Structure formats: C-alpha cells, structure tokens
Amino acid sequence: MADNRISMPAGFGGLMRFDEEYKSKIMLQPIHIVAFVIMIILFRVFLGFWFG
C-alpha cells in the first residue's frame, strides 16, 4: 500500500517577528484603569444606599 500521508509545510520555528511595541490611539496607564474600577465600585455602593 502506498503512503498516503499529506505533509504540511514546516512552521516558521519562531522566526516571525511582530512589532514589539503596539501603538494604540488610546494610551491608558494602569492607574487609570484602577481609578475607573474604584469609581464604578463607589458608584454601585452609592446606588445601593440611595435606592436600597
């Protein structure tokens, strides 16, 4: 019987290079995310007192 296996092309072996520094139009620092989450939590607590 013949060998009917299909061989796929070899991978790049880690040779592909991606841009190491991704540039976004919106640059947020971690402190901005933490402050936003704290504001959401405080808003939720305020709503609990106001409507609860």
C-alpha atoms as a PDB file:
ATOM      1  CA  MET A   1       0.000   0.000   0.000  1.00  0.00           C
ATOM      2  CA  ALA A   2       1.286   3.438  -0.852  1.00  0.00           C
ATOM      3  CA  ASP A   3       1.988   6.033   1.803  1.00  0.00           C
ATOM      4  CA  ASN A   4      -0.964   8.453   1.515  1.00  0.00           C
ATOM      5  CA  ARG A   5       0.073  10.846   4.267  1.00  0.00           C
ATOM      6  CA  ILE A   6      -0.052  14.542   3.452  1.00  0.00           C
ATOM      7  CA  SER A   7       2.851  16.541   4.778  1.00  0.00           C
ATOM      8  CA  MET A   8       2.139  20.091   5.798  1.00  0.00           C
ATOM      9  CA  PRO A   9       4.721  22.856   5.349  1.00  0.00           C
ATOM     10  CA  ALA A  10       7.023  23.333   8.310  1.00  0.00           C
ATOM     11  CA  GLY A  11       6.306  26.170  10.708  1.00  0.00           C
ATOM     12  CA  PHE A  12       8.426  29.260  10.937  1.00  0.00           C
ATOM     13  CA  GLY A  13      10.100  27.983  14.098  1.00  0.00           C
ATOM     14  CA  GLY A  14       9.746  31.288  15.918  1.00  0.00           C
ATOM     15  CA  LEU A  15      11.342  33.251  13.098  1.00  0.00           C
ATOM     16  CA  MET A  16       8.351  35.516  12.523  1.00  0.00           C
ATOM     17  CA  ARG A  17       8.790  38.905  14.104  1.00  0.00           C
ATOM     18  CA  PHE A  18       5.911  41.016  15.242  1.00  0.00           C
ATOM     19  CA  ASP A  19       6.085  44.683  16.112  1.00  0.00           C
ATOM     20  CA  GLU A  20       7.239  44.606  19.702  1.00  0.00           C
ATOM     21  CA  GLU A  21       5.685  47.907  20.668  1.00  0.00           C
ATOM     22  CA  TYR A  22       1.995  48.095  19.879  1.00  0.00           C
ATOM     23  CA  LYS A  23       0.846  51.665  19.357  1.00  0.00           C
ATOM     24  CA  SER A  24      -2.762  52.470  20.114  1.00  0.00           C
ATOM     25  CA  LYS A  25      -4.675  55.691  19.686  1.00  0.00           C
ATOM     26  CA  ILE A  26      -5.877  55.402  23.285  1.00  0.00           C
ATOM     27  CA  MET A  27      -2.999  55.078  25.726  1.00  0.00           C
ATOM     28  CA  LEU A  28      -4.116  54.178  29.249  1.00  0.00           C
ATOM     29  CA  GLN A  29      -1.850  53.733  32.202  1.00  0.00           C
ATOM     30  CA  PRO A  30      -2.632  51.098  34.844  1.00  0.00           C
ATOM     31  CA  ILE A  31      -3.527  53.807  37.377  1.00  0.00           C
ATOM     32  CA  HIS A  32      -6.304  54.999  35.061  1.00  0.00           C
ATOM     33  CA  ILE A  33      -7.851  51.520  34.996  1.00  0.00           C
ATOM     34  CA  VAL A  34      -7.612  51.169  38.778  1.00  0.00           C
ATOM     35  CA  ALA A  35      -9.205  54.592  39.300  1.00  0.00           C
ATOM     36  CA  PHE A  36     -12.007  53.758  36.861  1.00  0.00           C
ATOM     37  CA  VAL A  37     -12.763  50.466  38.639  1.00  0.00           C
ATOM     38  CA  ILE A  38     -12.787  52.220  42.032  1.00  0.00           C
ATOM     39  CA  MET A  39     -15.191  54.849  40.666  1.00  0.00           C
ATOM     40  CA  ILE A  40     -17.528  52.110  39.400  1.00  0.00           C
ATOM     41  CA  ILE A  41     -17.454  50.355  42.801  1.00  0.00           C
ATOM     42  CA  LEU A  42     -18.163  53.614  44.633  1.00  0.00           C
ATOM     43  CA  PHE A  43     -20.999  54.415  42.238  1.00  0.00           C
ATOM     44  CA  ARG A  44     -22.503  50.959  42.835  1.00  0.00           C
ATOM     45  CA  VAL A  45     -22.268  51.417  46.629  1.00  0.00           C
ATOM     46  CA  PHE A  46     -23.872  54.860  46.331  1.00  0.00           C
ATOM     47  CA  LEU A  47     -26.760  53.380  44.328  1.00  0.00           C
ATOM     48  CA  GLY A  48     -27.197  50.704  46.993  1.00  0.00           C
ATOM     49  CA  PHE A  49     -27.586  53.345  49.694  1.00  0.00           C
ATOM     50  CA  TRP A  50     -29.757  55.646  47.593  1.00  0.00           C
ATOM     51  CA  PHE A  51     -32.220  53.092  46.209  1.00  0.00           C
ATOM     52  CA  GLY A  52     -31.700  50.260  48.674  1.00  0.00           C
END
